Amino acid sequence: MTEEQTRIAELIRDAFRGVELGDGVGLTEADGLDDYADAKTLAGYRSNDEKFDWSKISATELNRYYCSLSFFDAEGMRFHLPAYLIADLEGTFEQDVVFHLTYFEHDAISRFSLLSDLQRTAVREFLLIRLSDPNCEFERPMIETALSKYWTTTEDTAI
């Protein structure tokens, strides 16, 4: 990781330190929602999900359950998001986390409703580093729009 990526990873760790899953949707539980699993199956998945320390979730699990990003509720997103962001910065997440931070159709914004100002700042910093990444040319317009309309600082006005 570059020095800037390391700085942002530390900002993410600090911002999300101590966040627990609570009653939120877990990693494999979200995957089960994607598969239209029944309540009993979902409960089984949830029983095995990490609930207390998001940093214990491996990049292997994040890659395996990358679709879960689309099925988290606000608590689930707040708990899992830092793991995805850091894996992305480390180059171990093989999917696209930027899409989930920039696509706001179908009430997707509500998944970020529990983020604190510090957590929102950490996400904003993550997106700013992606904005400067030459490999994110396709995502650039979406990132710019999301930064100006949603991932704003306290001085800005969010939608």
N, C-alpha and C. Protein backbone atom coordinates (compact mmCIF):
# COMPACT_ATOMS: atom_id res chain seq x y z
N MET A 1 0.84 -1.18 0.00
CA MET A 1 0.00 0.00 0.00
C MET A 1 0.88 1.25 0.00
N THR A 2 0.37 2.28 -0.63
CA THR A 2 1.08 3.55 -0.61
C THR A 2 0.92 4.20 0.76
N GLU A 3 1.67 5.24 0.98
CA GLU A 3 1.56 5.98 2.24
C GLU A 3 0.14 6.55 2.41
N GLU A 4 -0.43 7.06 1.33
CA GLU A 4 -1.80 7.62 1.39
C GLU A 4 -2.83 6.53 1.66
N GLN A 5 -2.68 5.38 1.04
CA GLN A 5 -3.59 4.27 1.29
C GLN A 5 -3.49 3.80 2.74
N THR A 6 -2.28 3.76 3.27
CA THR A 6 -2.08 3.38 4.67
C THR A 6 -2.75 4.39 5.59
N ARG A 7 -2.63 5.68 5.27
CA ARG A 7 -3.28 6.72 6.08
C ARG A 7 -4.79 6.55 6.09
N ILE A 8 -5.35 6.27 4.93
CA ILE A 8 -6.80 6.11 4.83
C ILE A 8 -7.25 4.83 5.53
N ALA A 9 -6.48 3.77 5.41
CA ALA A 9 -6.81 2.53 6.12
C ALA A 9 -6.84 2.77 7.63
N GLU A 10 -5.91 3.54 8.14
CA GLU A 10 -5.90 3.86 9.57
C GLU A 10 -7.10 4.73 9.95
N LEU A 11 -7.45 5.66 9.09
CA LEU A 11 -8.63 6.49 9.32
C LEU A 11 -9.88 5.61 9.39
N ILE A 12 -9.98 4.66 8.50
CA ILE A 12 -11.11 3.72 8.50
C ILE A 12 -11.12 2.91 9.78
N ARG A 13 -9.98 2.34 10.16
CA ARG A 13 -9.90 1.55 11.39
C ARG A 13 -10.33 2.38 12.61
N ASP A 14 -9.85 3.60 12.68
CA ASP A 14 -10.21 4.48 13.81
C ASP A 14 -11.70 4.80 13.80
N ALA A 15 -12.23 5.13 12.63
CA ALA A 15 -13.63 5.54 12.52
C ALA A 15 -14.60 4.41 12.86
N PHE A 16 -14.22 3.18 12.55
CA PHE A 16 -15.12 2.05 12.75
C PHE A 16 -14.72 1.17 13.93
N ARG A 17 -13.74 1.59 14.70
CA ARG A 17 -13.29 0.82 15.86
C ARG A 17 -14.46 0.62 16.83
N GLY A 18 -14.64 -0.62 17.26
CA GLY A 18 -15.66 -0.94 18.24
C GLY A 18 -17.06 -1.15 17.68
N VAL A 19 -17.24 -0.96 16.38
CA VAL A 19 -18.56 -1.18 15.78
C VAL A 19 -18.86 -2.67 15.79
N GLU A 20 -20.04 -3.01 16.28
CA GLU A 20 -20.51 -4.40 16.29
C GLU A 20 -21.72 -4.53 15.38
N LEU A 21 -22.04 -5.76 15.01
CA LEU A 21 -23.14 -6.01 14.09
C LEU A 21 -24.50 -5.70 14.72
N GLY A 22 -24.65 -5.97 16.00
CA GLY A 22 -25.96 -5.77 16.63
C GLY A 22 -27.01 -6.64 15.98
N ASP A 23 -28.14 -6.04 15.65
CA ASP A 23 -29.23 -6.78 15.01
C ASP A 23 -29.15 -6.73 13.49
N GLY A 24 -28.04 -6.22 12.98
CA GLY A 24 -27.89 -6.07 11.54
C GLY A 24 -27.72 -7.39 10.81
N VAL A 25 -27.82 -7.32 9.50
CA VAL A 25 -27.68 -8.49 8.63
C VAL A 25 -26.21 -8.86 8.53
N GLY A 26 -25.91 -10.14 8.78
CA GLY A 26 -24.55 -10.65 8.73
C GLY A 26 -24.10 -10.98 7.31
N LEU A 27 -22.83 -11.32 7.19
CA LEU A 27 -22.19 -11.55 5.89
C LEU A 27 -22.83 -12.70 5.12
N THR A 28 -22.89 -13.90 5.72
CA THR A 28 -23.48 -15.02 5.00
C THR A 28 -25.00 -14.96 5.02
N GLU A 29 -25.55 -14.31 6.03
CA GLU A 29 -27.00 -14.09 6.07
C GLU A 29 -27.42 -13.25 4.86
N ALA A 30 -26.66 -12.20 4.54
CA ALA A 30 -26.95 -11.36 3.37
C ALA A 30 -26.87 -12.18 2.08
N ASP A 31 -25.89 -13.07 2.02
CA ASP A 31 -25.77 -13.93 0.85
C ASP A 31 -27.01 -14.83 0.74
N GLY A 32 -27.49 -15.29 1.89
CA GLY A 32 -28.71 -16.09 1.91
C GLY A 32 -29.92 -15.30 1.44
N LEU A 33 -29.98 -14.02 1.78
CA LEU A 33 -31.06 -13.16 1.29
C LEU A 33 -31.01 -13.08 -0.23
N ASP A 34 -29.80 -12.98 -0.77
CA ASP A 34 -29.62 -12.95 -2.21
C ASP A 34 -30.15 -14.23 -2.86
N ASP A 35 -30.01 -15.34 -2.14
CA ASP A 35 -30.45 -16.64 -2.65
C ASP A 35 -31.90 -16.98 -2.28
N TYR A 36 -32.62 -16.02 -1.67
CA TYR A 36 -34.00 -16.23 -1.25
C TYR A 36 -34.14 -17.40 -0.27
N ALA A 37 -33.17 -17.53 0.63
CA ALA A 37 -33.20 -18.61 1.62
C ALA A 37 -34.36 -18.41 2.58
N ASP A 38 -34.84 -19.51 3.14
CA ASP A 38 -35.94 -19.42 4.11
C ASP A 38 -35.41 -18.96 5.47
N ALA A 39 -36.32 -18.65 6.38
CA ALA A 39 -35.96 -18.08 7.68
C ALA A 39 -35.04 -19.00 8.48
N LYS A 40 -35.28 -20.29 8.44
CA LYS A 40 -34.45 -21.25 9.19
C LYS A 40 -33.02 -21.24 8.65
N THR A 41 -32.88 -21.25 7.35
CA THR A 41 -31.55 -21.23 6.72
C THR A 41 -30.83 -19.92 7.04
N LEU A 42 -31.56 -18.81 6.96
CA LEU A 42 -30.96 -17.51 7.27
C LEU A 42 -30.48 -17.46 8.72
N ALA A 43 -31.26 -18.02 9.63
CA ALA A 43 -30.87 -18.05 11.05
C ALA A 43 -29.60 -18.88 11.23
N GLY A 44 -29.49 -19.97 10.49
CA GLY A 44 -28.28 -20.79 10.54
C GLY A 44 -27.06 -20.03 10.04
N TYR A 45 -27.23 -19.32 8.94
CA TYR A 45 -26.13 -18.50 8.43
C TYR A 45 -25.72 -17.45 9.45
N ARG A 46 -26.71 -16.77 10.00
CA ARG A 46 -26.44 -15.69 10.95
C ARG A 46 -25.70 -16.21 12.18
N SER A 47 -26.02 -17.41 12.61
CA SER A 47 -25.38 -17.95 13.82
C SER A 47 -23.87 -18.11 13.64
N ASN A 48 -23.44 -18.27 12.40
CA ASN A 48 -22.01 -18.43 12.13
C ASN A 48 -21.31 -17.14 11.71
N ASP A 49 -22.08 -16.07 11.51
CA ASP A 49 -21.50 -14.80 11.08
C ASP A 49 -20.74 -14.12 12.22
N GLU A 50 -19.65 -13.42 11.87
CA GLU A 50 -18.93 -12.59 12.82
C GLU A 50 -19.84 -11.43 13.21
N LYS A 51 -19.92 -11.16 14.52
CA LYS A 51 -20.83 -10.12 14.99
C LYS A 51 -20.14 -9.04 15.82
N PHE A 52 -18.89 -9.28 16.21
CA PHE A 52 -18.26 -8.38 17.17
C PHE A 52 -17.01 -7.66 16.67
N ASP A 53 -16.29 -8.22 15.72
CA ASP A 53 -15.04 -7.62 15.28
C ASP A 53 -14.91 -7.77 13.76
N TRP A 54 -15.27 -6.72 13.05
CA TRP A 54 -15.24 -6.77 11.58
C TRP A 54 -13.85 -7.06 11.05
N SER A 55 -12.81 -6.72 11.80
CA SER A 55 -11.45 -6.93 11.31
C SER A 55 -11.07 -8.42 11.27
N LYS A 56 -11.88 -9.28 11.86
CA LYS A 56 -11.64 -10.72 11.82
C LYS A 56 -12.15 -11.36 10.53
N ILE A 57 -12.89 -10.61 9.74
CA ILE A 57 -13.44 -11.16 8.49
C ILE A 57 -12.34 -11.14 7.44
N SER A 58 -12.03 -12.30 6.91
CA SER A 58 -10.92 -12.43 5.95
C SER A 58 -11.30 -11.92 4.57
N ALA A 59 -10.30 -11.55 3.81
CA ALA A 59 -10.51 -11.14 2.42
C ALA A 59 -11.12 -12.28 1.61
N THR A 60 -10.77 -13.50 1.95
CA THR A 60 -11.35 -14.67 1.27
C THR A 60 -12.86 -14.68 1.45
N GLU A 61 -13.32 -14.43 2.69
CA GLU A 61 -14.77 -14.40 2.95
C GLU A 61 -15.42 -13.21 2.24
N LEU A 62 -14.77 -12.07 2.26
CA LEU A 62 -15.32 -10.88 1.60
C LEU A 62 -15.47 -11.13 0.11
N ASN A 63 -14.49 -11.76 -0.50
CA ASN A 63 -14.56 -12.07 -1.92
C ASN A 63 -15.64 -13.12 -2.20
N ARG A 64 -15.75 -14.09 -1.33
CA ARG A 64 -16.75 -15.14 -1.53
C ARG A 64 -18.16 -14.57 -1.43
N TYR A 65 -18.35 -13.62 -0.51
CA TYR A 65 -19.68 -13.06 -0.26
C TYR A 65 -19.76 -11.59 -0.70
N TYR A 66 -19.16 -11.29 -1.83
CA TYR A 66 -19.15 -9.91 -2.32
C TYR A 66 -20.56 -9.39 -2.62
N CYS A 67 -21.47 -10.26 -2.99
CA CYS A 67 -22.85 -9.83 -3.29
C CYS A 67 -23.57 -9.36 -2.03
N SER A 68 -23.05 -9.72 -0.87
CA SER A 68 -23.69 -9.30 0.38
C SER A 68 -23.77 -7.79 0.49
N LEU A 69 -22.85 -7.08 -0.13
CA LEU A 69 -22.89 -5.61 -0.09
C LEU A 69 -24.23 -5.06 -0.57
N SER A 70 -24.92 -5.77 -1.42
CA SER A 70 -26.21 -5.31 -1.93
C SER A 70 -27.36 -5.65 -1.00
N PHE A 71 -27.12 -6.45 0.03
CA PHE A 71 -28.22 -6.95 0.86
C PHE A 71 -28.10 -6.59 2.34
N PHE A 72 -27.09 -5.81 2.69
CA PHE A 72 -26.96 -5.37 4.08
C PHE A 72 -28.01 -4.31 4.39
N ASP A 73 -28.49 -4.34 5.64
CA ASP A 73 -29.27 -3.23 6.15
C ASP A 73 -28.27 -2.21 6.70
N ALA A 74 -28.74 -1.14 7.33
CA ALA A 74 -27.85 -0.08 7.79
C ALA A 74 -26.84 -0.59 8.83
N GLU A 75 -27.28 -1.44 9.76
CA GLU A 75 -26.35 -1.98 10.77
C GLU A 75 -25.33 -2.91 10.14
N GLY A 76 -25.79 -3.75 9.22
CA GLY A 76 -24.89 -4.66 8.54
C GLY A 76 -23.86 -3.92 7.70
N MET A 77 -24.29 -2.86 7.03
CA MET A 77 -23.36 -2.08 6.22
C MET A 77 -22.32 -1.39 7.11
N ARG A 78 -22.78 -0.78 8.20
CA ARG A 78 -21.83 -0.08 9.09
C ARG A 78 -20.79 -1.06 9.63
N PHE A 79 -21.19 -2.29 9.92
CA PHE A 79 -20.28 -3.29 10.47
C PHE A 79 -19.30 -3.82 9.42
N HIS A 80 -19.78 -4.13 8.25
CA HIS A 80 -18.94 -4.80 7.23
C HIS A 80 -18.15 -3.86 6.34
N LEU A 81 -18.65 -2.66 6.15
CA LEU A 81 -18.02 -1.73 5.21
C LEU A 81 -16.53 -1.52 5.45
N PRO A 82 -16.08 -1.31 6.69
CA PRO A 82 -14.64 -1.09 6.86
C PRO A 82 -13.79 -2.28 6.41
N ALA A 83 -14.29 -3.48 6.59
CA ALA A 83 -13.53 -4.66 6.15
C ALA A 83 -13.38 -4.65 4.63
N TYR A 84 -14.46 -4.32 3.93
CA TYR A 84 -14.40 -4.24 2.47
C TYR A 84 -13.47 -3.12 2.01
N LEU A 85 -13.56 -1.96 2.63
CA LEU A 85 -12.73 -0.82 2.23
C LEU A 85 -11.25 -1.11 2.41
N ILE A 86 -10.90 -1.68 3.56
CA ILE A 86 -9.49 -1.96 3.83
C ILE A 86 -8.98 -3.06 2.90
N ALA A 87 -9.79 -4.09 2.66
CA ALA A 87 -9.36 -5.14 1.72
C ALA A 87 -9.14 -4.55 0.33
N ASP A 88 -10.00 -3.61 -0.06
CA ASP A 88 -9.82 -2.95 -1.35
C ASP A 88 -8.51 -2.17 -1.38
N LEU A 89 -8.25 -1.41 -0.33
CA LEU A 89 -6.99 -0.64 -0.27
C LEU A 89 -5.77 -1.55 -0.29
N GLU A 90 -5.87 -2.70 0.35
CA GLU A 90 -4.75 -3.65 0.40
C GLU A 90 -4.61 -4.44 -0.89
N GLY A 91 -5.60 -4.34 -1.77
CA GLY A 91 -5.56 -5.07 -3.03
C GLY A 91 -5.99 -6.52 -2.91
N THR A 92 -6.67 -6.87 -1.81
CA THR A 92 -7.09 -8.26 -1.61
C THR A 92 -8.58 -8.47 -1.91
N PHE A 93 -9.33 -7.38 -2.10
CA PHE A 93 -10.74 -7.51 -2.49
C PHE A 93 -10.80 -7.46 -4.00
N GLU A 94 -11.33 -8.50 -4.60
CA GLU A 94 -11.28 -8.67 -6.05
C GLU A 94 -12.51 -8.15 -6.77
N GLN A 95 -13.46 -7.60 -6.04
CA GLN A 95 -14.70 -7.12 -6.64
C GLN A 95 -14.74 -5.59 -6.58
N ASP A 96 -15.91 -5.02 -6.85
CA ASP A 96 -16.05 -3.57 -6.93
C ASP A 96 -16.82 -3.03 -5.74
N VAL A 97 -16.12 -2.40 -4.81
CA VAL A 97 -16.79 -1.78 -3.67
C VAL A 97 -17.24 -0.36 -4.04
N VAL A 98 -16.60 0.28 -4.99
CA VAL A 98 -16.93 1.65 -5.37
C VAL A 98 -18.38 1.76 -5.83
N PHE A 99 -18.84 0.80 -6.60
CA PHE A 99 -20.23 0.82 -7.08
C PHE A 99 -21.20 0.98 -5.93
N HIS A 100 -20.98 0.26 -4.85
CA HIS A 100 -21.90 0.27 -3.71
C HIS A 100 -21.87 1.59 -2.95
N LEU A 101 -20.83 2.37 -3.16
CA LEU A 101 -20.71 3.67 -2.51
C LEU A 101 -21.17 4.81 -3.40
N THR A 102 -21.50 4.50 -4.65
CA THR A 102 -21.84 5.55 -5.60
C THR A 102 -23.19 5.36 -6.28
N TYR A 103 -23.82 4.21 -6.11
CA TYR A 103 -25.10 3.93 -6.75
C TYR A 103 -26.20 4.06 -5.70
N PHE A 104 -27.10 5.01 -5.91
CA PHE A 104 -28.09 5.32 -4.88
C PHE A 104 -29.53 5.12 -5.32
N GLU A 105 -29.77 4.26 -6.26
CA GLU A 105 -31.14 3.97 -6.67
C GLU A 105 -31.78 3.00 -5.66
N HIS A 106 -33.09 2.95 -5.70
CA HIS A 106 -33.86 1.99 -4.89
C HIS A 106 -33.55 2.09 -3.40
N ASP A 107 -33.47 3.31 -2.88
CA ASP A 107 -33.27 3.56 -1.45
C ASP A 107 -31.94 3.03 -0.91
N ALA A 108 -30.94 2.95 -1.76
CA ALA A 108 -29.62 2.46 -1.32
C ALA A 108 -28.99 3.38 -0.28
N ILE A 109 -29.35 4.65 -0.28
CA ILE A 109 -28.79 5.61 0.67
C ILE A 109 -29.08 5.19 2.11
N SER A 110 -30.24 4.60 2.34
CA SER A 110 -30.61 4.22 3.71
C SER A 110 -29.62 3.24 4.33
N ARG A 111 -28.88 2.50 3.51
CA ARG A 111 -27.89 1.57 4.05
C ARG A 111 -26.74 2.28 4.74
N PHE A 112 -26.58 3.56 4.49
CA PHE A 112 -25.50 4.34 5.09
C PHE A 112 -26.00 5.29 6.18
N SER A 113 -27.26 5.16 6.55
CA SER A 113 -27.89 6.12 7.46
C SER A 113 -27.31 6.10 8.88
N LEU A 114 -26.68 5.03 9.30
CA LEU A 114 -26.13 4.94 10.66
C LEU A 114 -24.68 5.39 10.77
N LEU A 115 -24.07 5.75 9.65
CA LEU A 115 -22.66 6.15 9.70
C LEU A 115 -22.52 7.50 10.41
N SER A 116 -21.53 7.57 11.28
CA SER A 116 -21.22 8.82 11.98
C SER A 116 -20.50 9.77 11.02
N ASP A 117 -20.32 11.01 11.44
CA ASP A 117 -19.58 11.96 10.61
C ASP A 117 -18.16 11.47 10.34
N LEU A 118 -17.51 10.90 11.34
CA LEU A 118 -16.15 10.39 11.16
C LEU A 118 -16.13 9.22 10.18
N GLN A 119 -17.12 8.35 10.26
CA GLN A 119 -17.20 7.22 9.33
C GLN A 119 -17.48 7.71 7.91
N ARG A 120 -18.35 8.70 7.77
CA ARG A 120 -18.62 9.27 6.44
C ARG A 120 -17.36 9.92 5.87
N THR A 121 -16.59 10.58 6.73
CA THR A 121 -15.33 11.19 6.29
C THR A 121 -14.37 10.11 5.80
N ALA A 122 -14.30 9.00 6.50
CA ALA A 122 -13.42 7.90 6.09
C ALA A 122 -13.82 7.36 4.72
N VAL A 123 -15.13 7.21 4.49
CA VAL A 123 -15.60 6.75 3.18
C VAL A 123 -15.26 7.78 2.12
N ARG A 124 -15.47 9.03 2.44
CA ARG A 124 -15.14 10.11 1.49
C ARG A 124 -13.66 10.07 1.11
N GLU A 125 -12.79 9.91 2.09
CA GLU A 125 -11.35 9.82 1.82
C GLU A 125 -11.03 8.62 0.94
N PHE A 126 -11.69 7.50 1.20
CA PHE A 126 -11.52 6.32 0.36
C PHE A 126 -11.89 6.63 -1.09
N LEU A 127 -13.04 7.28 -1.28
CA LEU A 127 -13.48 7.61 -2.64
C LEU A 127 -12.55 8.62 -3.31
N LEU A 128 -12.02 9.54 -2.53
CA LEU A 128 -11.09 10.52 -3.11
C LEU A 128 -9.82 9.85 -3.62
N ILE A 129 -9.34 8.84 -2.91
CA ILE A 129 -8.15 8.14 -3.40
C ILE A 129 -8.50 7.32 -4.65
N ARG A 130 -9.71 6.77 -4.69
CA ARG A 130 -10.13 6.03 -5.89
C ARG A 130 -10.31 6.99 -7.07
N LEU A 131 -10.76 8.21 -6.79
CA LEU A 131 -10.94 9.20 -7.84
C LEU A 131 -9.62 9.50 -8.55
N SER A 132 -8.53 9.44 -7.82
CA SER A 132 -7.22 9.73 -8.41
C SER A 132 -6.55 8.49 -9.00
N ASP A 133 -7.20 7.34 -8.90
CA ASP A 133 -6.65 6.09 -9.41
C ASP A 133 -6.90 6.00 -10.92
N PRO A 134 -5.85 5.90 -11.74
CA PRO A 134 -6.05 5.82 -13.19
C PRO A 134 -6.84 4.57 -13.61
N ASN A 135 -6.90 3.55 -12.77
CA ASN A 135 -7.66 2.34 -13.09
C ASN A 135 -9.16 2.52 -12.84
N CYS A 136 -9.55 3.66 -12.28
CA CYS A 136 -10.97 3.92 -11.98
C CYS A 136 -11.57 4.94 -12.94
N GLU A 137 -11.04 5.02 -14.13
CA GLU A 137 -11.51 6.00 -15.11
C GLU A 137 -13.01 5.84 -15.39
N PHE A 138 -13.47 4.61 -15.51
CA PHE A 138 -14.88 4.35 -15.79
C PHE A 138 -15.76 4.83 -14.64
N GLU A 139 -15.31 4.64 -13.40
CA GLU A 139 -16.09 5.00 -12.23
C GLU A 139 -16.02 6.49 -11.89
N ARG A 140 -15.07 7.20 -12.49
CA ARG A 140 -14.82 8.61 -12.14
C ARG A 140 -16.10 9.47 -12.09
N PRO A 141 -16.97 9.46 -13.12
CA PRO A 141 -18.17 10.31 -13.04
C PRO A 141 -19.09 9.93 -11.87
N MET A 142 -19.22 8.64 -11.60
CA MET A 142 -20.07 8.20 -10.48
C MET A 142 -19.47 8.64 -9.14
N ILE A 143 -18.15 8.52 -9.03
CA ILE A 143 -17.47 8.93 -7.79
C ILE A 143 -17.64 10.44 -7.59
N GLU A 144 -17.43 11.21 -8.65
CA GLU A 144 -17.56 12.67 -8.54
C GLU A 144 -18.97 13.06 -8.12
N THR A 145 -19.97 12.44 -8.70
CA THR A 145 -21.35 12.73 -8.34
C THR A 145 -21.63 12.35 -6.89
N ALA A 146 -21.19 11.17 -6.50
CA ALA A 146 -21.42 10.72 -5.12
C ALA A 146 -20.72 11.63 -4.12
N LEU A 147 -19.52 12.08 -4.45
CA LEU A 147 -18.79 12.97 -3.55
C LEU A 147 -19.49 14.32 -3.41
N SER A 148 -20.05 14.82 -4.48
CA SER A 148 -20.68 16.14 -4.43
C SER A 148 -22.10 16.10 -3.88
N LYS A 149 -22.78 14.96 -4.03
CA LYS A 149 -24.19 14.92 -3.62
C LYS A 149 -24.46 14.10 -2.36
N TYR A 150 -23.57 13.21 -2.01
CA TYR A 150 -23.86 12.39 -0.83
C TYR A 150 -22.72 12.33 0.17
N TRP A 151 -21.56 11.96 -0.26
CA TRP A 151 -20.41 11.81 0.65
C TRP A 151 -19.77 13.18 0.88
N THR A 152 -20.56 14.07 1.43
CA THR A 152 -20.12 15.43 1.67
C THR A 152 -19.52 15.56 3.06
N THR A 153 -18.82 16.63 3.28
CA THR A 153 -18.29 16.92 4.62
C THR A 153 -19.34 17.72 5.37
N THR A 154 -19.11 17.97 6.64
CA THR A 154 -20.08 18.69 7.45
C THR A 154 -20.29 20.12 6.95
N GLU A 155 -19.34 20.67 6.22
CA GLU A 155 -19.49 22.01 5.65
C GLU A 155 -20.40 21.99 4.42
N ASP A 156 -20.54 20.81 3.80
CA ASP A 156 -21.36 20.67 2.61
C ASP A 156 -22.79 20.29 3.02
N THR A 157 -23.65 20.26 2.06
CA THR A 157 -25.03 19.84 2.30
C THR A 157 -25.26 18.53 1.59
N ALA A 158 -25.59 17.49 2.33
CA ALA A 158 -25.86 16.18 1.73
C ALA A 158 -27.30 16.11 1.26
N ILE A 159 -27.55 15.27 0.26
CA ILE A 159 -28.93 15.08 -0.23
C ILE A 159 -29.71 14.25 0.76
